């Protein structure tokens, strides 16, 4: 029962991290494209040029993000395998047990 609750809590934390990461990327993209494309704040609506620029900017960033994620997904299994192999080779060997029973320390009696 406790294991199921811990797994559910970990799943919820992972979902929150994913949502936070998505919102950070979305906010950065929005700010970058807005700064690049919107130059006149005197009007309530976007001009045709601003709207076209924003569409192009967002499209480029989304496309770049998709390419980056595809590369990440393709490379990650190999990276994890190398880390596991490196970790296994760097584990210290356990010291050998003494050949006979351990003697009690001499307390001077």
N, C-alpha and C. Protein backbone atom coordinates (compact mmCIF):
# COMPACT_ATOMS: atom_id res chain seq x y z
N UNK A 1 0.82 -1.19 0.00
CA UNK A 1 0.00 0.00 0.00
C UNK A 1 0.87 1.26 0.00
N UNK A 2 1.91 1.27 0.86
CA UNK A 2 2.80 2.42 0.94
C UNK A 2 3.59 2.58 -0.36
N UNK A 3 3.96 1.46 -0.97
CA UNK A 3 4.70 1.53 -2.23
C UNK A 3 3.84 2.14 -3.33
N UNK A 4 2.57 1.81 -3.35
CA UNK A 4 1.66 2.37 -4.36
C UNK A 4 1.49 3.87 -4.15
N UNK A 5 1.39 4.28 -2.90
CA UNK A 5 1.25 5.71 -2.60
C UNK A 5 2.51 6.46 -2.99
N UNK A 6 3.67 5.86 -2.71
CA UNK A 6 4.94 6.50 -3.07
C UNK A 6 5.08 6.60 -4.59
N UNK A 7 4.67 5.56 -5.30
CA UNK A 7 4.72 5.58 -6.76
C UNK A 7 3.79 6.64 -7.33
N UNK A 8 2.61 6.76 -6.74
CA UNK A 8 1.66 7.78 -7.20
C UNK A 8 2.19 9.18 -6.94
N UNK A 9 2.81 9.37 -5.78
CA UNK A 9 3.38 10.68 -5.44
C UNK A 9 4.52 11.02 -6.39
N UNK A 10 5.35 10.05 -6.71
CA UNK A 10 6.46 10.28 -7.65
C UNK A 10 5.94 10.60 -9.04
N UNK A 11 4.89 9.91 -9.46
CA UNK A 11 4.28 10.17 -10.76
C UNK A 11 3.73 11.60 -10.81
N UNK A 12 3.11 12.03 -9.73
CA UNK A 12 2.58 13.39 -9.68
C UNK A 12 3.70 14.42 -9.74
N UNK A 13 4.81 14.17 -9.03
CA UNK A 13 5.96 15.08 -9.07
C UNK A 13 6.52 15.15 -10.49
N UNK A 14 6.60 14.01 -11.16
CA UNK A 14 7.11 13.99 -12.53
C UNK A 14 6.20 14.77 -13.47
N UNK A 15 4.90 14.63 -13.29
CA UNK A 15 3.95 15.39 -14.12
C UNK A 15 4.09 16.89 -13.87
N UNK A 16 4.28 17.28 -12.63
CA UNK A 16 4.45 18.70 -12.31
C UNK A 16 5.75 19.23 -12.91
N UNK A 17 6.83 18.44 -12.86
CA UNK A 17 8.10 18.86 -13.48
C UNK A 17 7.92 19.02 -14.99
N UNK A 18 7.21 18.09 -15.61
CA UNK A 18 6.98 18.18 -17.05
C UNK A 18 6.15 19.41 -17.41
N UNK A 19 5.13 19.68 -16.62
CA UNK A 19 4.31 20.87 -16.86
C UNK A 19 5.14 22.13 -16.69
N UNK A 20 5.95 22.18 -15.64
CA UNK A 20 6.80 23.35 -15.40
C UNK A 20 7.76 23.56 -16.57
N UNK A 21 8.39 22.47 -17.04
CA UNK A 21 9.32 22.58 -18.16
C UNK A 21 8.62 23.07 -19.41
N UNK A 22 7.43 22.54 -19.68
CA UNK A 22 6.66 22.99 -20.84
C UNK A 22 6.34 24.48 -20.74
N UNK A 23 5.89 24.91 -19.57
CA UNK A 23 5.52 26.32 -19.40
C UNK A 23 6.74 27.24 -19.53
N UNK A 24 7.90 26.80 -19.06
CA UNK A 24 9.11 27.61 -19.23
C UNK A 24 9.46 27.77 -20.70
N UNK A 25 9.40 26.68 -21.46
CA UNK A 25 9.70 26.75 -22.89
C UNK A 25 8.67 27.62 -23.60
N UNK A 26 7.41 27.45 -23.28
CA UNK A 26 6.34 28.24 -23.90
C UNK A 26 6.53 29.73 -23.60
N UNK A 27 6.83 30.06 -22.34
CA UNK A 27 7.01 31.47 -21.97
C UNK A 27 8.22 32.09 -22.66
N UNK A 28 9.31 31.33 -22.75
CA UNK A 28 10.49 31.85 -23.44
C UNK A 28 10.20 32.08 -24.92
N UNK A 29 9.52 31.14 -25.54
CA UNK A 29 9.18 31.27 -26.95
C UNK A 29 8.28 32.49 -27.16
N UNK A 30 7.28 32.63 -26.33
CA UNK A 30 6.36 33.76 -26.46
C UNK A 30 7.09 35.09 -26.32
N UNK A 31 7.95 35.18 -25.32
CA UNK A 31 8.68 36.43 -25.09
C UNK A 31 9.64 36.73 -26.24
N UNK A 32 10.36 35.71 -26.70
CA UNK A 32 11.30 35.91 -27.79
C UNK A 32 10.59 36.38 -29.05
N UNK A 33 9.53 35.70 -29.43
CA UNK A 33 8.80 36.07 -30.65
C UNK A 33 8.13 37.43 -30.51
N UNK A 34 7.60 37.72 -29.33
CA UNK A 34 6.95 39.03 -29.13
C UNK A 34 7.98 40.15 -29.29
N UNK A 35 9.13 39.99 -28.65
CA UNK A 35 10.17 41.03 -28.75
C UNK A 35 10.68 41.19 -30.18
N UNK A 36 10.76 40.07 -30.90
CA UNK A 36 11.28 40.11 -32.26
C UNK A 36 10.27 40.69 -33.24
N UNK A 37 8.99 40.44 -33.02
CA UNK A 37 7.99 40.75 -34.06
C UNK A 37 7.09 41.95 -33.77
N UNK A 38 6.81 42.23 -32.53
CA UNK A 38 5.86 43.30 -32.22
C UNK A 38 6.65 44.57 -31.91
N UNK A 39 6.45 45.57 -32.77
CA UNK A 39 7.22 46.79 -32.60
C UNK A 39 6.35 48.00 -32.28
N UNK A 40 5.04 47.88 -32.42
CA UNK A 40 4.16 49.02 -32.19
C UNK A 40 3.06 48.61 -31.24
N UNK A 41 3.06 49.20 -30.06
CA UNK A 41 2.05 48.87 -29.05
C UNK A 41 0.93 49.90 -28.99
N UNK A 42 0.81 50.72 -30.03
CA UNK A 42 -0.21 51.76 -30.05
C UNK A 42 -1.58 51.22 -30.46
N UNK A 43 -1.63 50.01 -30.98
CA UNK A 43 -2.90 49.47 -31.46
C UNK A 43 -3.24 48.19 -30.69
N UNK A 44 -4.51 47.96 -30.58
CA UNK A 44 -4.97 46.79 -29.84
C UNK A 44 -4.72 45.50 -30.61
N UNK A 45 -4.86 45.53 -31.92
CA UNK A 45 -4.69 44.34 -32.75
C UNK A 45 -3.31 44.33 -33.40
N UNK A 46 -2.86 43.14 -33.76
CA UNK A 46 -1.60 43.00 -34.47
C UNK A 46 -1.77 43.42 -35.92
N UNK A 47 -0.70 43.94 -36.49
CA UNK A 47 -0.73 44.22 -37.92
C UNK A 47 -0.53 42.90 -38.65
N UNK A 48 -0.81 42.90 -39.93
CA UNK A 48 -0.60 41.69 -40.73
C UNK A 48 0.86 41.26 -40.71
N UNK A 49 1.75 42.22 -40.77
CA UNK A 49 3.19 41.91 -40.75
C UNK A 49 3.59 41.29 -39.41
N UNK A 50 3.10 41.86 -38.31
CA UNK A 50 3.42 41.32 -36.99
C UNK A 50 2.88 39.90 -36.82
N UNK A 51 1.66 39.69 -37.28
CA UNK A 51 1.04 38.38 -37.17
C UNK A 51 1.81 37.33 -37.98
N UNK A 52 2.21 37.71 -39.19
CA UNK A 52 2.98 36.80 -40.03
C UNK A 52 4.33 36.49 -39.39
N UNK A 53 4.97 37.49 -38.83
CA UNK A 53 6.25 37.31 -38.16
C UNK A 53 6.11 36.38 -36.95
N UNK A 54 5.07 36.58 -36.16
CA UNK A 54 4.84 35.74 -34.99
C UNK A 54 4.59 34.29 -35.39
N UNK A 55 3.79 34.08 -36.45
CA UNK A 55 3.53 32.72 -36.94
C UNK A 55 4.83 32.04 -37.37
N UNK A 56 5.64 32.78 -38.12
CA UNK A 56 6.90 32.23 -38.60
C UNK A 56 7.86 31.95 -37.45
N UNK A 57 7.96 32.86 -36.52
CA UNK A 57 8.85 32.70 -35.37
C UNK A 57 8.45 31.50 -34.52
N UNK A 58 7.19 31.41 -34.18
CA UNK A 58 6.72 30.29 -33.36
C UNK A 58 6.90 28.97 -34.09
N UNK A 59 6.63 28.96 -35.39
CA UNK A 59 6.77 27.75 -36.18
C UNK A 59 8.23 27.28 -36.19
N UNK A 60 9.16 28.20 -36.36
CA UNK A 60 10.58 27.85 -36.36
C UNK A 60 10.99 27.29 -35.00
N UNK A 61 10.56 27.91 -33.94
CA UNK A 61 10.95 27.45 -32.61
C UNK A 61 10.35 26.09 -32.28
N UNK A 62 9.10 25.87 -32.66
CA UNK A 62 8.46 24.57 -32.42
C UNK A 62 9.17 23.49 -33.23
N UNK A 63 9.47 23.79 -34.49
CA UNK A 63 10.17 22.84 -35.35
C UNK A 63 11.55 22.51 -34.76
N UNK A 64 12.27 23.53 -34.31
CA UNK A 64 13.58 23.30 -33.70
C UNK A 64 13.47 22.46 -32.44
N UNK A 65 12.46 22.73 -31.65
CA UNK A 65 12.25 21.96 -30.42
C UNK A 65 11.96 20.50 -30.75
N UNK A 66 11.14 20.25 -31.75
CA UNK A 66 10.83 18.86 -32.16
C UNK A 66 12.09 18.14 -32.64
N UNK A 67 12.91 18.81 -33.42
CA UNK A 67 14.17 18.19 -33.89
C UNK A 67 15.08 17.88 -32.72
N UNK A 68 15.18 18.80 -31.78
CA UNK A 68 16.01 18.60 -30.60
C UNK A 68 15.52 17.42 -29.78
N UNK A 69 14.21 17.32 -29.59
CA UNK A 69 13.65 16.21 -28.81
C UNK A 69 13.85 14.87 -29.52
N UNK A 70 13.73 14.84 -30.84
CA UNK A 70 13.98 13.60 -31.58
C UNK A 70 15.43 13.15 -31.39
N UNK A 71 16.35 14.09 -31.45
CA UNK A 71 17.77 13.75 -31.24
C UNK A 71 18.00 13.27 -29.82
N UNK A 72 17.38 13.93 -28.88
CA UNK A 72 17.52 13.55 -27.47
C UNK A 72 17.01 12.13 -27.25
N UNK A 73 15.84 11.82 -27.79
CA UNK A 73 15.25 10.49 -27.62
C UNK A 73 16.13 9.43 -28.28
N UNK A 74 16.73 9.76 -29.41
CA UNK A 74 17.58 8.80 -30.11
C UNK A 74 18.90 8.57 -29.37
N UNK A 75 19.46 9.61 -28.77
CA UNK A 75 20.77 9.49 -28.12
C UNK A 75 20.70 9.02 -26.68
N UNK A 76 19.62 9.25 -26.01
CA UNK A 76 19.54 8.98 -24.57
C UNK A 76 19.79 7.53 -24.19
N UNK A 77 19.26 6.52 -24.89
CA UNK A 77 19.53 5.13 -24.47
C UNK A 77 21.03 4.81 -24.46
N UNK A 78 21.77 5.26 -25.46
CA UNK A 78 23.21 5.02 -25.50
C UNK A 78 23.94 5.71 -24.36
N UNK A 79 23.52 6.93 -24.04
CA UNK A 79 24.14 7.66 -22.94
C UNK A 79 23.88 6.95 -21.62
N UNK A 80 22.66 6.48 -21.42
CA UNK A 80 22.34 5.77 -20.18
C UNK A 80 23.11 4.46 -20.08
N UNK A 81 23.29 3.76 -21.19
CA UNK A 81 24.06 2.51 -21.17
C UNK A 81 25.52 2.79 -20.82
N UNK A 82 26.09 3.85 -21.39
CA UNK A 82 27.48 4.19 -21.07
C UNK A 82 27.62 4.57 -19.60
N UNK A 83 26.68 5.35 -19.09
CA UNK A 83 26.73 5.72 -17.67
C UNK A 83 26.64 4.49 -16.77
N UNK A 84 25.76 3.57 -17.12
CA UNK A 84 25.62 2.35 -16.32
C UNK A 84 26.91 1.54 -16.37
N UNK A 85 27.52 1.42 -17.54
CA UNK A 85 28.77 0.67 -17.67
C UNK A 85 29.89 1.36 -16.89
N UNK A 86 29.98 2.69 -16.99
CA UNK A 86 31.00 3.43 -16.24
C UNK A 86 30.79 3.29 -14.74
N UNK A 87 29.55 3.37 -14.33
CA UNK A 87 29.23 3.25 -12.90
C UNK A 87 29.59 1.86 -12.39
N UNK A 88 29.29 0.84 -13.17
CA UNK A 88 29.59 -0.54 -12.75
C UNK A 88 31.09 -0.77 -12.68
N UNK A 89 31.85 -0.17 -13.58
CA UNK A 89 33.30 -0.38 -13.58
C UNK A 89 33.99 0.42 -12.48
N UNK A 90 33.34 1.47 -11.98
CA UNK A 90 33.94 2.30 -10.94
C UNK A 90 33.53 1.92 -9.54
N UNK A 91 32.64 0.94 -9.38
CA UNK A 91 32.23 0.53 -8.04
C UNK A 91 33.42 -0.10 -7.34
N UNK A 92 33.70 0.30 -6.10
CA UNK A 92 34.83 -0.29 -5.39
C UNK A 92 34.55 -1.75 -5.07
N UNK A 93 35.59 -2.54 -5.17
CA UNK A 93 35.45 -3.96 -4.86
C UNK A 93 35.29 -4.10 -3.35
N UNK A 94 34.47 -5.05 -2.94
CA UNK A 94 34.28 -5.29 -1.52
C UNK A 94 35.53 -5.91 -0.94
N UNK A 95 35.96 -5.48 0.25
CA UNK A 95 37.16 -6.07 0.84
C UNK A 95 36.91 -7.53 1.15
N UNK A 96 37.98 -8.31 1.01
CA UNK A 96 37.88 -9.74 1.29
C UNK A 96 37.70 -9.96 2.78
N UNK A 97 36.92 -10.95 3.12
CA UNK A 97 36.70 -11.28 4.54
C UNK A 97 37.96 -11.92 5.10
N UNK A 98 38.26 -11.70 6.37
CA UNK A 98 39.44 -12.33 6.98
C UNK A 98 39.27 -13.84 6.96
N UNK A 99 40.37 -14.59 6.87
CA UNK A 99 40.27 -16.04 6.73
C UNK A 99 39.70 -16.75 7.94
N UNK A 100 39.94 -16.29 9.13
CA UNK A 100 39.47 -16.98 10.31
C UNK A 100 38.52 -16.12 11.12
N UNK A 101 38.02 -16.64 12.25
CA UNK A 101 37.15 -15.83 13.08
C UNK A 101 37.91 -14.66 13.65
N UNK A 102 37.20 -13.58 13.83
CA UNK A 102 37.83 -12.38 14.36
C UNK A 102 38.08 -12.56 15.85
N UNK A 103 39.24 -12.13 16.29
CA UNK A 103 39.57 -12.21 17.70
C UNK A 103 39.05 -10.98 18.40
N UNK A 104 38.60 -11.14 19.63
CA UNK A 104 38.15 -10.01 20.42
C UNK A 104 39.35 -9.15 20.78
N UNK A 105 39.17 -7.82 20.79
CA UNK A 105 40.30 -6.96 21.14
C UNK A 105 40.74 -7.21 22.59
N UNK A 106 42.03 -7.13 22.80
CA UNK A 106 42.60 -7.34 24.14
C UNK A 106 42.37 -6.07 24.93
N UNK A 107 41.66 -6.18 26.04
CA UNK A 107 41.32 -5.04 26.88
C UNK A 107 42.31 -4.85 28.01
N UNK A 108 43.42 -5.55 27.96
CA UNK A 108 44.44 -5.39 28.98
C UNK A 108 44.14 -6.15 30.25
N UNK A 109 43.34 -7.18 30.24
CA UNK A 109 43.02 -7.94 31.45
C UNK A 109 43.81 -9.19 31.53
